[in-house]
């Protein structure tokens, strides 16, 4: 399906999956660098990136899940 044929929700869901994959990849890279006793500044920068991705993921999830007042 071409992007111009996708609904707003489908685009958001695709973006969400890409962000989740990037988050998992960063997690694996951080784990590997930590085990190899990699540069602590690089690890710290990657952890900040991972947190920023998590914030974006939560924002998209909130946009996709409407608030239901009970």
PDB file of N, CA and C in Angstrom:
ATOM      1  N   UNK A   1       0.855  -1.182   0.000  1.00  0.00           N
ATOM      2  CA  UNK A   1       0.000   0.000   0.000  1.00  0.00           C
ATOM      3  C   UNK A   1       0.896   1.239   0.000  1.00  0.00           C
ATOM      4  N   UNK A   2       0.568   2.179  -0.841  1.00  0.00           N
ATOM      5  CA  UNK A   2       1.336   3.420  -0.933  1.00  0.00           C
ATOM      6  C   UNK A   2       0.916   4.366   0.184  1.00  0.00           C
ATOM      7  N   UNK A   3       1.865   5.181   0.681  1.00  0.00           N
ATOM      8  CA  UNK A   3       1.554   6.090   1.807  1.00  0.00           C
ATOM      9  C   UNK A   3       0.349   6.990   1.542  1.00  0.00           C
ATOM     10  N   UNK A   4       0.176   7.455   0.312  1.00  0.00           N
ATOM     11  CA  UNK A   4      -0.955   8.347   0.042  1.00  0.00           C
ATOM     12  C   UNK A   4      -2.298   7.612   0.077  1.00  0.00           C
ATOM     13  N   UNK A   5      -2.259   6.282   0.096  1.00  0.00           N
ATOM     14  CA  UNK A   5      -3.482   5.485   0.186  1.00  0.00           C
ATOM     15  C   UNK A   5      -3.790   5.059   1.623  1.00  0.00           C
ATOM     16  N   UNK A   6      -2.881   5.352   2.539  1.00  0.00           N
ATOM     17  CA  UNK A   6      -3.048   4.932   3.926  1.00  0.00           C
ATOM     18  C   UNK A   6      -3.819   5.986   4.716  1.00  0.00           C
ATOM     19  N   UNK A   7      -4.606   5.510   5.670  1.00  0.00           N
ATOM     20  CA  UNK A   7      -5.313   6.433   6.555  1.00  0.00           C
ATOM     21  C   UNK A   7      -4.327   7.001   7.570  1.00  0.00           C
ATOM     22  N   UNK A   8      -4.751   8.055   8.235  1.00  0.00           N
ATOM     23  CA  UNK A   8      -3.909   8.675   9.272  1.00  0.00           C
ATOM     24  C   UNK A   8      -3.566   7.646  10.348  1.00  0.00           C
ATOM     25  N   UNK A   9      -4.541   6.855  10.745  1.00  0.00           N
ATOM     26  CA  UNK A   9      -4.309   5.845  11.787  1.00  0.00           C
ATOM     27  C   UNK A   9      -3.317   4.784  11.323  1.00  0.00           C
ATOM     28  N   UNK A  10      -3.412   4.360  10.069  1.00  0.00           N
ATOM     29  CA  UNK A  10      -2.480   3.357   9.553  1.00  0.00           C
ATOM     30  C   UNK A  10      -1.049   3.898   9.529  1.00  0.00           C
ATOM     31  N   UNK A  11      -0.907   5.152   9.160  1.00  0.00           N
ATOM     32  CA  UNK A  11       0.410   5.781   9.148  1.00  0.00           C
ATOM     33  C   UNK A  11       0.978   5.848  10.561  1.00  0.00           C
ATOM     34  N   UNK A  12       0.129   6.222  11.518  1.00  0.00           N
ATOM     35  CA  UNK A  12       0.578   6.286  12.917  1.00  0.00           C
ATOM     36  C   UNK A  12       0.992   4.912  13.425  1.00  0.00           C
ATOM     37  N   UNK A  13       0.217   3.884  13.085  1.00  0.00           N
ATOM     38  CA  UNK A  13       0.540   2.527  13.529  1.00  0.00           C
ATOM     39  C   UNK A  13       1.866   2.045  12.924  1.00  0.00           C
ATOM     40  N   UNK A  14       2.087   2.367  11.658  1.00  0.00           N
ATOM     41  CA  UNK A  14       3.342   2.001  11.011  1.00  0.00           C
ATOM     42  C   UNK A  14       4.513   2.731  11.671  1.00  0.00           C
ATOM     43  N   UNK A  15       4.350   4.017  11.911  1.00  0.00           N
ATOM     44  CA  UNK A  15       5.385   4.811  12.580  1.00  0.00           C
ATOM     45  C   UNK A  15       5.668   4.240  13.967  1.00  0.00           C
ATOM     46  N   UNK A  16       4.605   3.843  14.670  1.00  0.00           N
ATOM     47  CA  UNK A  16       4.744   3.269  16.007  1.00  0.00           C
ATOM     48  C   UNK A  16       5.578   1.987  15.961  1.00  0.00           C
ATOM     49  N   UNK A  17       5.296   1.124  15.004  1.00  0.00           N
ATOM     50  CA  UNK A  17       6.062  -0.121  14.885  1.00  0.00           C
ATOM     51  C   UNK A  17       7.533   0.155  14.576  1.00  0.00           C
ATOM     52  N   UNK A  18       7.792   1.142  13.725  1.00  0.00           N
ATOM     53  CA  UNK A  18       9.178   1.494  13.403  1.00  0.00           C
ATOM     54  C   UNK A  18       9.912   2.027  14.635  1.00  0.00           C
ATOM     55  N   UNK A  19       9.228   2.857  15.414  1.00  0.00           N
ATOM     56  CA  UNK A  19       9.837   3.388  16.636  1.00  0.00           C
ATOM     57  C   UNK A  19      10.109   2.277  17.649  1.00  0.00           C
ATOM     58  N   UNK A  20       9.175   1.331  17.766  1.00  0.00           N
ATOM     59  CA  UNK A  20       9.367   0.207  18.696  1.00  0.00           C
ATOM     60  C   UNK A  20      10.562  -0.641  18.274  1.00  0.00           C
ATOM     61  N   UNK A  21      10.712  -0.848  16.954  1.00  0.00           N
ATOM     62  CA  UNK A  21      11.856  -1.618  16.467  1.00  0.00           C
ATOM     63  C   UNK A  21      13.162  -0.883  16.751  1.00  0.00           C
ATOM     64  N   UNK A  22      13.168   0.422  16.524  1.00  0.00           N
ATOM     65  CA  UNK A  22      14.356   1.228  16.805  1.00  0.00           C
ATOM     66  C   UNK A  22      14.698   1.175  18.297  1.00  0.00           C
ATOM     67  N   UNK A  23      13.674   1.194  19.153  1.00  0.00           N
ATOM     68  CA  UNK A  23      13.856   1.114  20.601  1.00  0.00           C
ATOM     69  C   UNK A  23      14.492  -0.232  20.974  1.00  0.00           C
ATOM     70  N   UNK A  24      13.986  -1.315  20.375  1.00  0.00           N
ATOM     71  CA  UNK A  24      14.553  -2.646  20.647  1.00  0.00           C
ATOM     72  C   UNK A  24      16.006  -2.736  20.173  1.00  0.00           C
ATOM     73  N   UNK A  25      16.272  -2.179  18.987  1.00  0.00           N
ATOM     74  CA  UNK A  25      17.635  -2.201  18.452  1.00  0.00           C
ATOM     75  C   UNK A  25      18.603  -1.441  19.362  1.00  0.00           C
ATOM     76  N   UNK A  26      18.163  -0.280  19.832  1.00  0.00           N
ATOM     77  CA  UNK A  26      19.004   0.500  20.748  1.00  0.00           C
ATOM     78  C   UNK A  26      19.246  -0.275  22.037  1.00  0.00           C
ATOM     79  N   UNK A  27      18.212  -0.937  22.535  1.00  0.00           N
ATOM     80  CA  UNK A  27      18.340  -1.726  23.760  1.00  0.00           C
ATOM     81  C   UNK A  27      19.407  -2.802  23.584  1.00  0.00           C
ATOM     82  N   UNK A  28      19.378  -3.492  22.451  1.00  0.00           N
ATOM     83  CA  UNK A  28      20.362  -4.539  22.185  1.00  0.00           C
ATOM     84  C   UNK A  28      21.771  -3.946  22.066  1.00  0.00           C
ATOM     85  N   UNK A  29      21.892  -2.806  21.391  1.00  0.00           N
ATOM     86  CA  UNK A  29      23.200  -2.162  21.236  1.00  0.00           C
ATOM     87  C   UNK A  29      23.754  -1.715  22.583  1.00  0.00           C
ATOM     88  N   UNK A  30      22.892  -1.170  23.423  1.00  0.00           N
ATOM     89  CA  UNK A  30      23.312  -0.736  24.768  1.00  0.00           C
ATOM     90  C   UNK A  30      23.783  -1.937  25.578  1.00  0.00           C
ATOM     91  N   UNK A  31      23.025  -3.019  25.496  1.00  0.00           N
ATOM     92  CA  UNK A  31      23.394  -4.231  26.239  1.00  0.00           C
ATOM     93  C   UNK A  31      24.763  -4.743  25.771  1.00  0.00           C
ATOM     94  N   UNK A  32      24.970  -4.780  24.462  1.00  0.00           N
ATOM     95  CA  UNK A  32      26.240  -5.270  23.927  1.00  0.00           C
ATOM     96  C   UNK A  32      27.403  -4.366  24.340  1.00  0.00           C
ATOM     97  N   UNK A  33      27.210  -3.058  24.244  1.00  0.00           N
ATOM     98  CA  UNK A  33      28.279  -2.122  24.641  1.00  0.00           C
ATOM     99  C   UNK A  33      28.585  -2.223  26.129  1.00  0.00           C
ATOM    100  N   UNK A  34      27.547  -2.408  26.926  1.00  0.00           N
ATOM    101  CA  UNK A  34      27.734  -2.525  28.372  1.00  0.00           C
ATOM    102  C   UNK A  34      28.533  -3.783  28.698  1.00  0.00           C
ATOM    103  N   UNK A  35      28.203  -4.899  28.042  1.00  0.00           N
ATOM    104  CA  UNK A  35      28.928  -6.151  28.277  1.00  0.00           C
ATOM    105  C   UNK A  35      30.384  -6.039  27.852  1.00  0.00           C
ATOM    106  N   UNK A  36      30.655  -5.247  26.802  1.00  0.00           N
ATOM    107  CA  UNK A  36      32.026  -5.082  26.306  1.00  0.00           C
ATOM    108  C   UNK A  36      32.753  -3.952  27.030  1.00  0.00           C
ATOM    109  N   UNK A  37      32.085  -3.376  28.005  1.00  0.00           N
ATOM    110  CA  UNK A  37      32.639  -2.235  28.740  1.00  0.00           C
ATOM    111  C   UNK A  37      33.005  -1.100  27.772  1.00  0.00           C
ATOM    112  N   UNK A  38      32.006  -0.773  26.935  1.00  0.00           N
ATOM    113  CA  UNK A  38      32.184   0.286  25.946  1.00  0.00           C
ATOM    114  C   UNK A  38      32.255   1.661  26.590  1.00  0.00           C
ATOM    115  N   UNK A  39      32.443   2.661  25.751  1.00  0.00           N
ATOM    116  CA  UNK A  39      32.560   4.049  26.196  1.00  0.00           C
ATOM    117  C   UNK A  39      31.313   4.464  26.975  1.00  0.00           C
ATOM    118  N   UNK A  40      31.481   4.865  28.247  1.00  0.00           N
ATOM    119  CA  UNK A  40      30.318   5.218  29.071  1.00  0.00           C
ATOM    120  C   UNK A  40      29.536   6.418  28.521  1.00  0.00           C
ATOM    121  N   UNK A  41      30.222   7.342  27.850  1.00  0.00           N
ATOM    122  CA  UNK A  41      29.514   8.498  27.300  1.00  0.00           C
ATOM    123  C   UNK A  41      28.624   8.086  26.129  1.00  0.00           C
ATOM    124  N   UNK A  42      29.099   7.137  25.327  1.00  0.00           N
ATOM    125  CA  UNK A  42      28.291   6.618  24.216  1.00  0.00           C
ATOM    126  C   UNK A  42      27.077   5.887  24.758  1.00  0.00           C
ATOM    127  N   UNK A  43      27.283   5.081  25.781  1.00  0.00           N
ATOM    128  CA  UNK A  43      26.172   4.339  26.387  1.00  0.00           C
ATOM    129  C   UNK A  43      25.151   5.311  26.966  1.00  0.00           C
ATOM    130  N   UNK A  44      25.628   6.348  27.634  1.00  0.00           N
ATOM    131  CA  UNK A  44      24.719   7.337  28.225  1.00  0.00           C
ATOM    132  C   UNK A  44      23.907   8.043  27.132  1.00  0.00           C
ATOM    133  N   UNK A  45      24.583   8.403  26.017  1.00  0.00           N
ATOM    134  CA  UNK A  45      23.896   9.065  24.909  1.00  0.00           C
ATOM    135  C   UNK A  45      22.830   8.143  24.313  1.00  0.00           C
ATOM    136  N   UNK A  46      23.172   6.869  24.172  1.00  0.00           N
ATOM    137  CA  UNK A  46      22.225   5.902  23.617  1.00  0.00           C
ATOM    138  C   UNK A  46      21.020   5.701  24.547  1.00  0.00           C
ATOM    139  N   UNK A  47      21.278   5.711  25.854  1.00  0.00           N
ATOM    140  CA  UNK A  47      20.174   5.576  26.811  1.00  0.00           C
ATOM    141  C   UNK A  47      19.233   6.772  26.727  1.00  0.00           C
ATOM    142  N   UNK A  48      19.803   7.976  26.527  1.00  0.00           N
ATOM    143  CA  UNK A  48      18.955   9.165  26.351  1.00  0.00           C
ATOM    144  C   UNK A  48      18.116   9.046  25.086  1.00  0.00           C
ATOM    145  N   UNK A  49      18.729   8.548  24.016  1.00  0.00           N
ATOM    146  CA  UNK A  49      18.001   8.335  22.768  1.00  0.00           C
ATOM    147  C   UNK A  49      16.863   7.354  22.985  1.00  0.00           C
ATOM    148  N   UNK A  50      17.148   6.305  23.727  1.00  0.00           N
ATOM    149  CA  UNK A  50      16.143   5.277  23.995  1.00  0.00           C
ATOM    150  C   UNK A  50      14.969   5.862  24.788  1.00  0.00           C
ATOM    151  N   UNK A  51      15.263   6.708  25.766  1.00  0.00           N
ATOM    152  CA  UNK A  51      14.206   7.354  26.543  1.00  0.00           C
ATOM    153  C   UNK A  51      13.368   8.290  25.670  1.00  0.00           C
ATOM    154  N   UNK A  52      14.031   9.020  24.776  1.00  0.00           N
ATOM    155  CA  UNK A  52      13.305   9.915  23.869  1.00  0.00           C
ATOM    156  C   UNK A  52      12.392   9.102  22.943  1.00  0.00           C
ATOM    157  N   UNK A  53      12.882   7.961  22.481  1.00  0.00           N
ATOM    158  CA  UNK A  53      12.043   7.090  21.649  1.00  0.00           C
ATOM    159  C   UNK A  53      10.838   6.594  22.436  1.00  0.00           C
ATOM    160  N   UNK A  54      11.069   6.216  23.684  1.00  0.00           N
ATOM    161  CA  UNK A  54       9.970   5.726  24.529  1.00  0.00           C
ATOM    162  C   UNK A  54       8.906   6.805  24.692  1.00  0.00           C
ATOM    163  N   UNK A  55       9.342   8.056  24.878  1.00  0.00           N
ATOM    164  CA  UNK A  55       8.390   9.166  24.987  1.00  0.00           C
ATOM    165  C   UNK A  55       7.557   9.302  23.711  1.00  0.00           C
ATOM    166  N   UNK A  56       8.221   9.201  22.559  1.00  0.00           N
ATOM    167  CA  UNK A  56       7.496   9.303  21.288  1.00  0.00           C
ATOM    168  C   UNK A  56       6.530   8.134  21.106  1.00  0.00           C
ATOM    169  N   UNK A  57       6.952   6.937  21.536  1.00  0.00           N
ATOM    170  CA  UNK A  57       6.094   5.753  21.451  1.00  0.00           C
ATOM    171  C   UNK A  57       4.838   5.961  22.296  1.00  0.00           C
ATOM    172  N   UNK A  58       5.023   6.419  23.519  1.00  0.00           N
ATOM    173  CA  UNK A  58       3.881   6.648  24.419  1.00  0.00           C
ATOM    174  C   UNK A  58       2.942   7.704  23.828  1.00  0.00           C
ATOM    175  N   UNK A  59       3.517   8.756  23.247  1.00  0.00           N
ATOM    176  CA  UNK A  59       2.703   9.803  22.641  1.00  0.00           C
ATOM    177  C   UNK A  59       1.843   9.241  21.499  1.00  0.00           C
ATOM    178  N   UNK A  60       2.448   8.426  20.648  1.00  0.00           N
ATOM    179  CA  UNK A  60       1.692   7.833  19.538  1.00  0.00           C
ATOM    180  C   UNK A  60       0.635   6.858  20.049  1.00  0.00           C
ATOM    181  N   UNK A  61       0.995   6.059  21.042  1.00  0.00           N
ATOM    182  CA  UNK A  61       0.019   5.121  21.609  1.00  0.00           C
ATOM    183  C   UNK A  61      -1.169   5.867  22.192  1.00  0.00           C
ATOM    184  N   UNK A  62      -0.898   6.981  22.861  1.00  0.00           N
ATOM    185  CA  UNK A  62      -1.989   7.788  23.422  1.00  0.00           C
ATOM    186  C   UNK A  62      -2.869   8.385  22.319  1.00  0.00           C
ATOM    187  N   UNK A  63      -2.238   8.779  21.227  1.00  0.00           N
ATOM    188  CA  UNK A  63      -3.003   9.340  20.108  1.00  0.00           C
ATOM    189  C   UNK A  63      -3.875   8.274  19.453  1.00  0.00           C
ATOM    190  N   UNK A  64      -3.398   7.042  19.425  1.00  0.00           N
ATOM    191  CA  UNK A  64      -4.146   5.942  18.804  1.00  0.00           C
ATOM    192  C   UNK A  64      -5.229   5.378  19.721  1.00  0.00           C
ATOM    193  N   UNK A  65      -5.061   5.546  21.019  1.00  0.00           N
ATOM    194  CA  UNK A  65      -6.028   5.025  21.985  1.00  0.00           C
ATOM    195  C   UNK A  65      -6.823   6.162  22.562  1.00  0.00           C
ATOM    196  N   UNK A  66      -8.078   6.299  22.159  1.00  0.00           N
ATOM    197  CA  UNK A  66      -8.879   7.416  22.668  1.00  0.00           C
ATOM    198  C   UNK A  66      -9.176   7.260  24.164  1.00  0.00           C
ATOM    199  N   UNK A  67      -9.259   8.401  24.830  1.00  0.00           N
ATOM    200  CA  UNK A  67      -9.621   8.388  26.240  1.00  0.00           C
ATOM    201  C   UNK A  67     -11.092   8.015  26.379  1.00  0.00           C
ATOM    202  N   UNK A  68     -11.356   7.089  27.275  1.00  0.00           N
ATOM    203  CA  UNK A  68     -12.733   6.679  27.537  1.00  0.00           C
ATOM    204  C   UNK A  68     -13.058   7.077  28.969  1.00  0.00           C
ATOM    205  N   UNK A  69     -14.012   7.954  29.102  1.00  0.00           N
ATOM    206  CA  UNK A  69     -14.411   8.401  30.425  1.00  0.00           C
ATOM    207  C   UNK A  69     -15.449   7.418  30.953  1.00  0.00           C
ATOM    208  N   UNK A  70     -15.120   6.791  32.076  1.00  0.00           N
ATOM    209  CA  UNK A  70     -16.026   5.790  32.631  1.00  0.00           C
ATOM    210  C   UNK A  70     -16.831   6.372  33.757  1.00  0.00           C
TER     211      UNK A  70
END
